[in-house]
N, C-alpha and C. Protein backbone atom coordinates (compact mmCIF):
# COMPACT_ATOMS: atom_id res chain seq x y z
N MET A 1 -13.32 -10.33 -38.45
CA MET A 1 -13.41 -11.25 -37.34
C MET A 1 -14.89 -11.50 -37.04
N SER A 2 -15.23 -12.72 -36.73
CA SER A 2 -16.64 -13.08 -36.49
C SER A 2 -17.14 -12.46 -35.18
N GLU A 3 -18.45 -12.23 -35.14
CA GLU A 3 -19.07 -11.61 -33.98
C GLU A 3 -18.89 -12.48 -32.73
N HIS A 4 -18.98 -13.79 -32.91
CA HIS A 4 -18.81 -14.71 -31.78
C HIS A 4 -17.40 -14.59 -31.20
N ARG A 5 -16.41 -14.52 -32.06
CA ARG A 5 -15.02 -14.42 -31.60
C ARG A 5 -14.79 -13.10 -30.86
N ILE A 6 -15.32 -12.01 -31.42
CA ILE A 6 -15.19 -10.70 -30.77
C ILE A 6 -15.84 -10.73 -29.39
N ALA A 7 -17.07 -11.24 -29.34
CA ALA A 7 -17.81 -11.30 -28.08
C ALA A 7 -17.06 -12.15 -27.06
N SER A 8 -16.56 -13.28 -27.48
CA SER A 8 -15.85 -14.18 -26.59
C SER A 8 -14.58 -13.53 -26.02
N ARG A 9 -13.83 -12.86 -26.86
CA ARG A 9 -12.58 -12.22 -26.40
C ARG A 9 -12.86 -11.11 -25.40
N TYR A 10 -13.81 -10.25 -25.71
CA TYR A 10 -14.14 -9.17 -24.77
C TYR A 10 -14.71 -9.73 -23.46
N ALA A 11 -15.54 -10.76 -23.56
CA ALA A 11 -16.15 -11.35 -22.36
C ALA A 11 -15.07 -11.96 -21.46
N LYS A 12 -14.14 -12.69 -22.05
CA LYS A 12 -13.06 -13.28 -21.26
C LYS A 12 -12.21 -12.21 -20.59
N SER A 13 -11.92 -11.16 -21.33
CA SER A 13 -11.13 -10.06 -20.77
C SER A 13 -11.85 -9.39 -19.61
N LEU A 14 -13.14 -9.15 -19.78
CA LEU A 14 -13.92 -8.52 -18.71
C LEU A 14 -13.99 -9.43 -17.49
N LEU A 15 -14.16 -10.72 -17.71
CA LEU A 15 -14.21 -11.66 -16.58
C LEU A 15 -12.88 -11.64 -15.83
N ASP A 16 -11.78 -11.71 -16.56
CA ASP A 16 -10.46 -11.69 -15.92
C ASP A 16 -10.25 -10.39 -15.13
N LEU A 17 -10.62 -9.27 -15.72
CA LEU A 17 -10.46 -7.98 -15.05
C LEU A 17 -11.35 -7.89 -13.82
N SER A 18 -12.59 -8.38 -13.93
CA SER A 18 -13.50 -8.31 -12.79
C SER A 18 -13.02 -9.20 -11.64
N ILE A 19 -12.41 -10.33 -11.96
CA ILE A 19 -11.83 -11.19 -10.93
C ILE A 19 -10.66 -10.47 -10.26
N GLU A 20 -9.81 -9.86 -11.10
CA GLU A 20 -8.64 -9.13 -10.59
C GLU A 20 -9.04 -7.98 -9.67
N LYS A 21 -10.11 -7.29 -10.01
CA LYS A 21 -10.56 -6.13 -9.24
C LYS A 21 -11.50 -6.52 -8.09
N GLY A 22 -11.85 -7.80 -7.98
CA GLY A 22 -12.73 -8.27 -6.91
C GLY A 22 -14.18 -7.86 -7.10
N ALA A 23 -14.57 -7.67 -8.36
CA ALA A 23 -15.94 -7.22 -8.65
C ALA A 23 -16.69 -8.20 -9.54
N MET A 24 -16.26 -9.47 -9.54
CA MET A 24 -16.85 -10.44 -10.46
C MET A 24 -18.35 -10.60 -10.24
N GLU A 25 -18.79 -10.73 -9.00
CA GLU A 25 -20.21 -10.95 -8.75
C GLU A 25 -21.05 -9.75 -9.17
N ASP A 26 -20.56 -8.55 -8.89
CA ASP A 26 -21.30 -7.34 -9.28
C ASP A 26 -21.39 -7.20 -10.80
N VAL A 27 -20.26 -7.42 -11.47
CA VAL A 27 -20.24 -7.32 -12.94
C VAL A 27 -21.12 -8.40 -13.55
N ALA A 28 -21.08 -9.60 -12.98
CA ALA A 28 -21.93 -10.69 -13.49
C ALA A 28 -23.41 -10.33 -13.35
N LYS A 29 -23.77 -9.75 -12.20
CA LYS A 29 -25.16 -9.33 -12.00
C LYS A 29 -25.55 -8.25 -13.01
N ASP A 30 -24.63 -7.32 -13.26
CA ASP A 30 -24.88 -6.26 -14.25
C ASP A 30 -25.08 -6.84 -15.65
N MET A 31 -24.22 -7.76 -16.02
CA MET A 31 -24.31 -8.35 -17.37
C MET A 31 -25.57 -9.22 -17.51
N GLN A 32 -25.93 -9.93 -16.46
CA GLN A 32 -27.17 -10.71 -16.50
C GLN A 32 -28.36 -9.77 -16.64
N GLY A 33 -28.33 -8.66 -15.95
CA GLY A 33 -29.39 -7.67 -16.07
C GLY A 33 -29.42 -7.06 -17.46
N PHE A 34 -28.25 -6.81 -18.04
CA PHE A 34 -28.19 -6.25 -19.39
C PHE A 34 -28.75 -7.24 -20.42
N VAL A 35 -28.42 -8.51 -20.27
CA VAL A 35 -28.97 -9.54 -21.17
C VAL A 35 -30.49 -9.57 -21.05
N ALA A 36 -31.00 -9.54 -19.83
CA ALA A 36 -32.46 -9.54 -19.62
C ALA A 36 -33.08 -8.29 -20.23
N LEU A 37 -32.42 -7.15 -20.07
CA LEU A 37 -32.92 -5.91 -20.65
C LEU A 37 -32.95 -5.97 -22.17
N CYS A 38 -31.93 -6.57 -22.76
CA CYS A 38 -31.89 -6.71 -24.23
C CYS A 38 -33.02 -7.60 -24.74
N LYS A 39 -33.40 -8.60 -23.95
CA LYS A 39 -34.50 -9.49 -24.35
C LYS A 39 -35.84 -8.77 -24.34
N THR A 40 -36.00 -7.80 -23.43
CA THR A 40 -37.29 -7.14 -23.29
C THR A 40 -37.34 -5.77 -23.96
N ASN A 41 -36.19 -5.18 -24.27
CA ASN A 41 -36.16 -3.84 -24.83
C ASN A 41 -35.45 -3.84 -26.18
N ARG A 42 -36.22 -4.08 -27.22
CA ARG A 42 -35.67 -4.15 -28.58
C ARG A 42 -35.10 -2.81 -29.01
N ASP A 43 -35.68 -1.71 -28.53
CA ASP A 43 -35.21 -0.38 -28.91
C ASP A 43 -33.76 -0.15 -28.47
N LEU A 44 -33.41 -0.62 -27.29
CA LEU A 44 -32.03 -0.48 -26.82
C LEU A 44 -31.07 -1.23 -27.72
N VAL A 45 -31.42 -2.46 -28.07
CA VAL A 45 -30.57 -3.27 -28.94
C VAL A 45 -30.44 -2.61 -30.31
N MET A 46 -31.54 -2.13 -30.85
CA MET A 46 -31.51 -1.49 -32.17
C MET A 46 -30.67 -0.21 -32.13
N MET A 47 -30.75 0.55 -31.06
CA MET A 47 -29.96 1.77 -30.92
C MET A 47 -28.48 1.43 -30.89
N VAL A 48 -28.11 0.44 -30.09
CA VAL A 48 -26.70 0.07 -29.95
C VAL A 48 -26.14 -0.45 -31.27
N LYS A 49 -26.94 -1.15 -32.04
CA LYS A 49 -26.48 -1.74 -33.30
C LYS A 49 -26.61 -0.80 -34.50
N ASN A 50 -27.31 0.31 -34.33
CA ASN A 50 -27.59 1.21 -35.44
C ASN A 50 -26.34 1.97 -35.87
N PRO A 51 -25.89 1.81 -37.12
CA PRO A 51 -24.69 2.51 -37.57
C PRO A 51 -24.92 4.01 -37.82
N ILE A 52 -26.15 4.43 -37.90
CA ILE A 52 -26.46 5.83 -38.16
C ILE A 52 -26.29 6.68 -36.88
N VAL A 53 -26.63 6.09 -35.72
CA VAL A 53 -26.48 6.80 -34.46
C VAL A 53 -24.98 6.91 -34.15
N SER A 54 -24.52 8.12 -33.85
CA SER A 54 -23.09 8.35 -33.61
C SER A 54 -22.64 7.63 -32.34
N HIS A 55 -21.35 7.33 -32.31
CA HIS A 55 -20.79 6.64 -31.14
C HIS A 55 -20.91 7.52 -29.90
N GLY A 56 -20.74 8.82 -30.07
CA GLY A 56 -20.88 9.75 -28.95
C GLY A 56 -22.28 9.75 -28.38
N LYS A 57 -23.28 9.71 -29.26
CA LYS A 57 -24.68 9.67 -28.83
C LYS A 57 -24.98 8.36 -28.09
N LYS A 58 -24.46 7.25 -28.63
CA LYS A 58 -24.65 5.95 -27.97
C LYS A 58 -24.01 5.96 -26.58
N LEU A 59 -22.81 6.54 -26.49
CA LEU A 59 -22.12 6.61 -25.20
C LEU A 59 -22.94 7.44 -24.21
N ALA A 60 -23.47 8.57 -24.68
CA ALA A 60 -24.27 9.43 -23.81
C ALA A 60 -25.52 8.70 -23.32
N ILE A 61 -26.17 7.94 -24.19
CA ILE A 61 -27.38 7.20 -23.82
C ILE A 61 -27.03 6.09 -22.82
N LEU A 62 -26.00 5.30 -23.11
CA LEU A 62 -25.59 4.23 -22.19
C LEU A 62 -25.20 4.81 -20.83
N ASP A 63 -24.48 5.93 -20.86
CA ASP A 63 -24.05 6.58 -19.63
C ASP A 63 -25.27 7.03 -18.82
N GLN A 64 -26.23 7.64 -19.50
CA GLN A 64 -27.42 8.15 -18.83
C GLN A 64 -28.27 7.01 -18.25
N VAL A 65 -28.39 5.93 -19.00
CA VAL A 65 -29.23 4.81 -18.56
C VAL A 65 -28.59 4.03 -17.41
N PHE A 66 -27.27 3.82 -17.47
CA PHE A 66 -26.64 2.89 -16.53
C PHE A 66 -25.83 3.53 -15.41
N GLU A 67 -25.50 4.80 -15.49
CA GLU A 67 -24.67 5.41 -14.45
C GLU A 67 -25.39 5.37 -13.10
N GLY A 68 -24.66 4.89 -12.10
CA GLY A 68 -25.21 4.78 -10.76
C GLY A 68 -26.03 3.51 -10.55
N LYS A 69 -26.31 2.78 -11.62
CA LYS A 69 -27.12 1.56 -11.50
C LYS A 69 -26.29 0.29 -11.67
N VAL A 70 -25.08 0.45 -12.20
CA VAL A 70 -24.20 -0.69 -12.41
C VAL A 70 -22.84 -0.40 -11.76
N ASN A 71 -22.05 -1.42 -11.61
CA ASN A 71 -20.71 -1.30 -11.07
C ASN A 71 -19.89 -0.36 -11.95
N VAL A 72 -18.95 0.36 -11.35
CA VAL A 72 -18.13 1.31 -12.12
C VAL A 72 -17.32 0.59 -13.19
N LEU A 73 -16.92 -0.65 -12.93
CA LEU A 73 -16.17 -1.43 -13.91
C LEU A 73 -17.05 -1.75 -15.13
N THR A 74 -18.30 -2.07 -14.89
CA THR A 74 -19.23 -2.35 -15.98
C THR A 74 -19.43 -1.11 -16.83
N LEU A 75 -19.64 0.02 -16.20
CA LEU A 75 -19.83 1.27 -16.94
C LEU A 75 -18.57 1.65 -17.70
N ALA A 76 -17.41 1.46 -17.09
CA ALA A 76 -16.14 1.75 -17.78
C ALA A 76 -15.98 0.83 -19.00
N PHE A 77 -16.45 -0.41 -18.87
CA PHE A 77 -16.38 -1.35 -19.99
C PHE A 77 -17.29 -0.89 -21.13
N PHE A 78 -18.51 -0.44 -20.80
CA PHE A 78 -19.42 0.10 -21.82
C PHE A 78 -18.77 1.28 -22.54
N LYS A 79 -18.12 2.15 -21.78
CA LYS A 79 -17.46 3.32 -22.36
C LYS A 79 -16.30 2.91 -23.26
N LEU A 80 -15.52 1.92 -22.82
CA LEU A 80 -14.40 1.44 -23.62
C LEU A 80 -14.87 0.87 -24.95
N LEU A 81 -15.92 0.05 -24.89
CA LEU A 81 -16.46 -0.53 -26.12
C LEU A 81 -16.93 0.56 -27.09
N THR A 82 -17.57 1.59 -26.55
CA THR A 82 -18.07 2.67 -27.40
C THR A 82 -16.90 3.44 -28.01
N LYS A 83 -15.87 3.71 -27.24
CA LYS A 83 -14.70 4.43 -27.77
C LYS A 83 -13.97 3.63 -28.83
N LYS A 84 -14.00 2.30 -28.70
CA LYS A 84 -13.36 1.43 -29.69
C LYS A 84 -14.29 1.09 -30.85
N LYS A 85 -15.48 1.69 -30.84
CA LYS A 85 -16.50 1.48 -31.88
C LYS A 85 -16.92 0.00 -31.98
N ARG A 86 -17.06 -0.61 -30.81
CA ARG A 86 -17.49 -2.02 -30.73
C ARG A 86 -18.80 -2.16 -29.96
N GLU A 87 -19.48 -1.06 -29.68
CA GLU A 87 -20.71 -1.12 -28.88
C GLU A 87 -21.82 -1.91 -29.56
N ASN A 88 -21.73 -2.05 -30.89
CA ASN A 88 -22.75 -2.83 -31.59
C ASN A 88 -22.68 -4.32 -31.21
N HIS A 89 -21.59 -4.74 -30.62
CA HIS A 89 -21.44 -6.13 -30.17
C HIS A 89 -21.81 -6.33 -28.71
N LEU A 90 -22.23 -5.26 -28.06
CA LEU A 90 -22.49 -5.30 -26.61
C LEU A 90 -23.50 -6.38 -26.19
N PRO A 91 -24.64 -6.55 -26.88
CA PRO A 91 -25.56 -7.63 -26.44
C PRO A 91 -24.92 -9.02 -26.50
N GLU A 92 -24.14 -9.28 -27.55
CA GLU A 92 -23.49 -10.59 -27.68
C GLU A 92 -22.37 -10.75 -26.65
N ILE A 93 -21.65 -9.66 -26.37
CA ILE A 93 -20.59 -9.71 -25.37
C ILE A 93 -21.19 -10.00 -23.99
N ALA A 94 -22.31 -9.38 -23.69
CA ALA A 94 -22.97 -9.63 -22.39
C ALA A 94 -23.38 -11.09 -22.27
N LYS A 95 -23.95 -11.66 -23.34
CA LYS A 95 -24.33 -13.09 -23.31
C LYS A 95 -23.10 -13.96 -23.12
N ALA A 96 -22.03 -13.65 -23.86
CA ALA A 96 -20.79 -14.42 -23.76
C ALA A 96 -20.20 -14.30 -22.36
N PHE A 97 -20.31 -13.12 -21.74
CA PHE A 97 -19.81 -12.94 -20.38
C PHE A 97 -20.57 -13.84 -19.41
N VAL A 98 -21.88 -13.87 -19.53
CA VAL A 98 -22.69 -14.71 -18.64
C VAL A 98 -22.28 -16.18 -18.82
N GLU A 99 -22.05 -16.61 -20.05
CA GLU A 99 -21.61 -17.98 -20.29
C GLU A 99 -20.24 -18.24 -19.66
N GLU A 100 -19.31 -17.30 -19.82
CA GLU A 100 -17.97 -17.44 -19.23
C GLU A 100 -18.05 -17.48 -17.70
N TYR A 101 -18.88 -16.61 -17.14
CA TYR A 101 -19.07 -16.56 -15.69
C TYR A 101 -19.62 -17.90 -15.18
N ASN A 102 -20.66 -18.41 -15.86
CA ASN A 102 -21.24 -19.69 -15.46
C ASN A 102 -20.22 -20.81 -15.53
N GLU A 103 -19.41 -20.81 -16.59
CA GLU A 103 -18.36 -21.82 -16.73
C GLU A 103 -17.36 -21.71 -15.58
N HIS A 104 -16.98 -20.49 -15.27
CA HIS A 104 -16.02 -20.24 -14.19
C HIS A 104 -16.56 -20.71 -12.84
N LYS A 105 -17.84 -20.50 -12.60
CA LYS A 105 -18.46 -20.86 -11.33
C LYS A 105 -18.98 -22.31 -11.29
N GLY A 106 -18.91 -23.03 -12.41
CA GLY A 106 -19.42 -24.40 -12.44
C GLY A 106 -20.93 -24.47 -12.45
N ILE A 107 -21.54 -23.56 -13.21
CA ILE A 107 -23.00 -23.48 -13.30
C ILE A 107 -23.42 -23.83 -14.72
N VAL A 108 -24.52 -24.56 -14.86
CA VAL A 108 -25.06 -24.86 -16.18
C VAL A 108 -26.50 -24.37 -16.23
N GLU A 109 -26.85 -23.71 -17.33
CA GLU A 109 -28.23 -23.27 -17.53
C GLU A 109 -28.96 -24.35 -18.31
N SER A 110 -30.16 -24.66 -17.85
CA SER A 110 -30.95 -25.71 -18.47
C SER A 110 -32.39 -25.23 -18.58
N THR A 111 -33.06 -25.69 -19.63
CA THR A 111 -34.46 -25.32 -19.85
C THR A 111 -35.29 -26.58 -19.98
N VAL A 112 -36.37 -26.64 -19.23
CA VAL A 112 -37.30 -27.76 -19.35
C VAL A 112 -38.63 -27.20 -19.85
N THR A 113 -39.15 -27.84 -20.89
CA THR A 113 -40.43 -27.44 -21.46
C THR A 113 -41.43 -28.56 -21.22
N THR A 114 -42.56 -28.21 -20.62
CA THR A 114 -43.60 -29.19 -20.30
C THR A 114 -44.96 -28.63 -20.68
N VAL A 115 -45.99 -29.47 -20.55
CA VAL A 115 -47.35 -29.04 -20.86
C VAL A 115 -47.92 -28.20 -19.72
N THR A 116 -47.60 -28.57 -18.49
CA THR A 116 -48.09 -27.84 -17.32
C THR A 116 -46.90 -27.45 -16.44
N ALA A 117 -47.14 -26.58 -15.49
CA ALA A 117 -46.08 -26.15 -14.57
C ALA A 117 -45.59 -27.33 -13.75
N LEU A 118 -44.31 -27.32 -13.43
CA LEU A 118 -43.71 -28.40 -12.65
C LEU A 118 -44.06 -28.25 -11.17
N THR A 119 -44.21 -29.39 -10.52
CA THR A 119 -44.36 -29.36 -9.07
C THR A 119 -42.96 -29.22 -8.47
N GLU A 120 -42.88 -28.87 -7.22
CA GLU A 120 -41.58 -28.70 -6.57
C GLU A 120 -40.79 -30.01 -6.57
N GLU A 121 -41.49 -31.12 -6.38
CA GLU A 121 -40.84 -32.44 -6.36
C GLU A 121 -40.22 -32.77 -7.72
N ILE A 122 -40.96 -32.54 -8.80
CA ILE A 122 -40.44 -32.82 -10.14
C ILE A 122 -39.31 -31.85 -10.48
N ARG A 123 -39.44 -30.59 -10.07
CA ARG A 123 -38.38 -29.60 -10.30
C ARG A 123 -37.07 -30.08 -9.68
N LYS A 124 -37.15 -30.60 -8.45
CA LYS A 124 -35.95 -31.11 -7.78
C LYS A 124 -35.37 -32.30 -8.52
N GLU A 125 -36.25 -33.19 -9.02
CA GLU A 125 -35.80 -34.36 -9.77
C GLU A 125 -35.09 -33.95 -11.07
N VAL A 126 -35.64 -32.96 -11.76
CA VAL A 126 -35.04 -32.49 -13.01
C VAL A 126 -33.67 -31.88 -12.72
N LYS A 127 -33.59 -31.06 -11.67
CA LYS A 127 -32.30 -30.46 -11.30
C LYS A 127 -31.28 -31.54 -10.95
N ALA A 128 -31.73 -32.56 -10.22
CA ALA A 128 -30.83 -33.65 -9.85
C ALA A 128 -30.36 -34.40 -11.09
N LEU A 129 -31.25 -34.60 -12.06
CA LEU A 129 -30.88 -35.28 -13.30
C LEU A 129 -29.83 -34.47 -14.06
N VAL A 130 -30.06 -33.17 -14.20
CA VAL A 130 -29.10 -32.32 -14.91
C VAL A 130 -27.78 -32.27 -14.16
N ASN A 131 -27.84 -32.22 -12.84
CA ASN A 131 -26.62 -32.24 -12.04
C ASN A 131 -25.85 -33.53 -12.24
N LYS A 132 -26.58 -34.65 -12.32
CA LYS A 132 -25.94 -35.95 -12.53
C LYS A 132 -25.28 -36.02 -13.91
N ILE A 133 -25.94 -35.45 -14.93
CA ILE A 133 -25.40 -35.46 -16.30
C ILE A 133 -24.17 -34.56 -16.42
N THR A 134 -24.24 -33.36 -15.83
CA THR A 134 -23.19 -32.37 -16.03
C THR A 134 -22.19 -32.27 -14.89
N GLY A 135 -22.62 -32.62 -13.68
CA GLY A 135 -21.75 -32.46 -12.53
C GLY A 135 -21.63 -31.00 -12.10
N LYS A 136 -22.56 -30.17 -12.53
CA LYS A 136 -22.50 -28.74 -12.22
C LYS A 136 -23.78 -28.30 -11.51
N GLU A 137 -23.68 -27.13 -10.87
CA GLU A 137 -24.85 -26.51 -10.27
C GLU A 137 -25.81 -26.11 -11.39
N VAL A 138 -27.12 -26.21 -11.13
CA VAL A 138 -28.12 -26.05 -12.19
C VAL A 138 -28.95 -24.79 -11.97
N ILE A 139 -29.09 -24.00 -13.03
CA ILE A 139 -30.07 -22.92 -13.08
C ILE A 139 -31.13 -23.42 -14.06
N LEU A 140 -32.32 -23.68 -13.54
CA LEU A 140 -33.38 -24.28 -14.35
C LEU A 140 -34.41 -23.23 -14.75
N THR A 141 -34.66 -23.15 -16.05
CA THR A 141 -35.70 -22.28 -16.58
C THR A 141 -36.84 -23.17 -17.05
N GLU A 142 -38.05 -22.79 -16.70
CA GLU A 142 -39.21 -23.60 -17.07
C GLU A 142 -40.03 -22.89 -18.14
N GLN A 143 -40.48 -23.65 -19.13
CA GLN A 143 -41.36 -23.13 -20.17
C GLN A 143 -42.55 -24.07 -20.30
N ILE A 144 -43.68 -23.50 -20.72
CA ILE A 144 -44.88 -24.31 -20.93
C ILE A 144 -45.25 -24.26 -22.40
N ASP A 145 -45.47 -25.45 -22.98
CA ASP A 145 -45.87 -25.57 -24.38
C ASP A 145 -46.91 -26.68 -24.46
N GLU A 146 -48.16 -26.28 -24.65
CA GLU A 146 -49.24 -27.27 -24.70
C GLU A 146 -49.18 -28.14 -25.95
N GLY A 147 -48.41 -27.72 -26.94
CA GLY A 147 -48.25 -28.50 -28.17
C GLY A 147 -47.48 -29.80 -27.96
N LEU A 148 -46.83 -29.95 -26.81
CA LEU A 148 -46.09 -31.18 -26.53
C LEU A 148 -47.02 -32.35 -26.25
N ILE A 149 -48.25 -32.08 -25.91
CA ILE A 149 -49.28 -33.06 -25.55
C ILE A 149 -48.98 -33.70 -24.19
N GLY A 150 -47.76 -34.12 -23.97
CA GLY A 150 -47.34 -34.71 -22.70
C GLY A 150 -45.84 -34.91 -22.73
N GLY A 151 -45.26 -35.28 -21.60
CA GLY A 151 -43.82 -35.48 -21.53
C GLY A 151 -43.08 -34.17 -21.33
N PHE A 152 -41.80 -34.13 -21.79
CA PHE A 152 -40.98 -32.95 -21.59
C PHE A 152 -39.89 -32.86 -22.65
N VAL A 153 -39.32 -31.67 -22.78
CA VAL A 153 -38.12 -31.43 -23.58
C VAL A 153 -37.13 -30.75 -22.65
N LEU A 154 -35.96 -31.34 -22.50
CA LEU A 154 -34.94 -30.81 -21.61
C LEU A 154 -33.74 -30.38 -22.44
N ARG A 155 -33.35 -29.10 -22.30
CA ARG A 155 -32.17 -28.59 -23.01
C ARG A 155 -31.10 -28.27 -21.99
N ILE A 156 -29.92 -28.82 -22.22
CA ILE A 156 -28.76 -28.57 -21.37
C ILE A 156 -27.65 -28.09 -22.30
N GLY A 157 -27.43 -26.78 -22.30
CA GLY A 157 -26.44 -26.24 -23.24
C GLY A 157 -26.90 -26.49 -24.67
N ASP A 158 -26.08 -27.20 -25.44
CA ASP A 158 -26.46 -27.49 -26.83
C ASP A 158 -27.02 -28.91 -26.98
N ARG A 159 -27.27 -29.60 -25.86
CA ARG A 159 -27.86 -30.94 -25.89
C ARG A 159 -29.35 -30.84 -25.62
N GLN A 160 -30.10 -31.78 -26.20
CA GLN A 160 -31.55 -31.78 -25.99
C GLN A 160 -32.03 -33.20 -25.78
N ILE A 161 -32.86 -33.37 -24.77
CA ILE A 161 -33.52 -34.65 -24.50
C ILE A 161 -35.00 -34.41 -24.74
N ASP A 162 -35.54 -35.04 -25.78
CA ASP A 162 -36.94 -34.83 -26.14
C ASP A 162 -37.72 -36.10 -25.83
N ASP A 163 -38.47 -36.07 -24.76
CA ASP A 163 -39.30 -37.21 -24.36
C ASP A 163 -40.76 -36.77 -24.33
N SER A 164 -41.14 -36.03 -25.38
CA SER A 164 -42.51 -35.53 -25.44
C SER A 164 -43.37 -36.46 -26.30
N VAL A 165 -44.66 -36.44 -26.05
CA VAL A 165 -45.60 -37.25 -26.81
C VAL A 165 -45.62 -36.79 -28.27
N SER A 166 -45.54 -35.49 -28.51
CA SER A 166 -45.58 -34.99 -29.89
C SER A 166 -44.38 -35.49 -30.70
N SER A 167 -43.20 -35.59 -30.09
CA SER A 167 -42.03 -36.10 -30.83
C SER A 167 -42.18 -37.60 -31.10
N LYS A 168 -42.77 -38.33 -30.15
CA LYS A 168 -43.00 -39.77 -30.36
C LYS A 168 -43.98 -39.98 -31.51
N LEU A 169 -45.03 -39.14 -31.58
CA LEU A 169 -45.99 -39.23 -32.68
C LEU A 169 -45.33 -38.92 -34.03
N ARG A 170 -44.43 -37.92 -34.05
CA ARG A 170 -43.70 -37.60 -35.29
C ARG A 170 -42.84 -38.77 -35.73
N GLU A 171 -42.16 -39.42 -34.77
CA GLU A 171 -41.34 -40.58 -35.09
C GLU A 171 -42.18 -41.70 -35.68
N LEU A 172 -43.35 -41.97 -35.08
CA LEU A 172 -44.24 -43.00 -35.61
C LEU A 172 -44.71 -42.66 -37.01
N LYS A 173 -45.04 -41.42 -37.23
CA LYS A 173 -45.49 -40.98 -38.55
C LYS A 173 -44.41 -41.21 -39.59
N LEU A 174 -43.16 -40.92 -39.24
CA LEU A 174 -42.05 -41.15 -40.16
C LEU A 174 -41.86 -42.64 -40.45
N LYS A 175 -41.95 -43.46 -39.39
CA LYS A 175 -41.78 -44.90 -39.58
C LYS A 175 -42.88 -45.48 -40.47
N PHE A 176 -44.11 -45.05 -40.24
CA PHE A 176 -45.20 -45.54 -41.08
C PHE A 176 -45.05 -45.04 -42.51
N GLY A 177 -44.52 -43.86 -42.68
CA GLY A 177 -44.34 -43.30 -44.02
C GLY A 177 -43.24 -44.00 -44.80
N GLN A 178 -42.30 -44.63 -44.12
CA GLN A 178 -41.19 -45.29 -44.78
C GLN A 178 -41.48 -46.73 -45.16
N ARG A 179 -42.51 -47.29 -44.61
CA ARG A 179 -42.83 -48.69 -44.90
C ARG A 179 -43.93 -48.78 -45.95
N ASN A 180 -43.82 -49.79 -46.75
CA ASN A 180 -44.88 -50.07 -47.73
C ASN A 180 -45.72 -51.22 -47.18
N PHE A 181 -46.94 -50.90 -46.86
CA PHE A 181 -47.82 -51.92 -46.33
C PHE A 181 -48.64 -52.49 -47.48
N VAL A 182 -48.51 -53.78 -47.67
CA VAL A 182 -49.23 -54.47 -48.72
C VAL A 182 -50.09 -55.54 -48.06
N SER A 183 -51.36 -55.57 -48.44
CA SER A 183 -52.24 -56.56 -47.82
C SER A 183 -51.92 -57.94 -48.37
N GLN A 184 -52.04 -58.92 -47.53
CA GLN A 184 -51.75 -60.31 -47.89
C GLN A 184 -53.05 -61.01 -48.28
N ALA A 185 -53.52 -60.86 -49.50
CA ALA A 185 -54.78 -61.45 -49.89
C ALA A 185 -54.59 -62.54 -50.91
């Protein structure tokens, strides 16, 4: 079974259980924190995915790191995954859970990349644009890339709107490369 399918099934099950137990917001916060931790702590991800480290050792480490810091349902889920020998999928399951949670709550994550930091006015305009496109509440992440020269790149899920100067220059370069210019002499 593919990793995406495994992650999706476990994430949906955890979301349903957390709704049933009235702990959806706490579990969502825990999973968002786990995703953020995985992005910054490569050692944790490598340990969880390492087939040489025993499942018991992984369980002991996860228990030691997260006990008392996460909801009991989240910790029980970590333990269940480890007992079922699926802890190597934990980072992907956490990401899938956050996606399922956002879908359930009507939230869309969007990323805007610009040359300089956005002003509050432009930030509001971008959020309004994404809201108009998706009809959902917007969580906006901002990135700075001076290579864009100017303009912006907006990502909404798997869609991308590229209105940067660098992309316009690439398009012009391609158009000029496709034409044969012959002087009229």
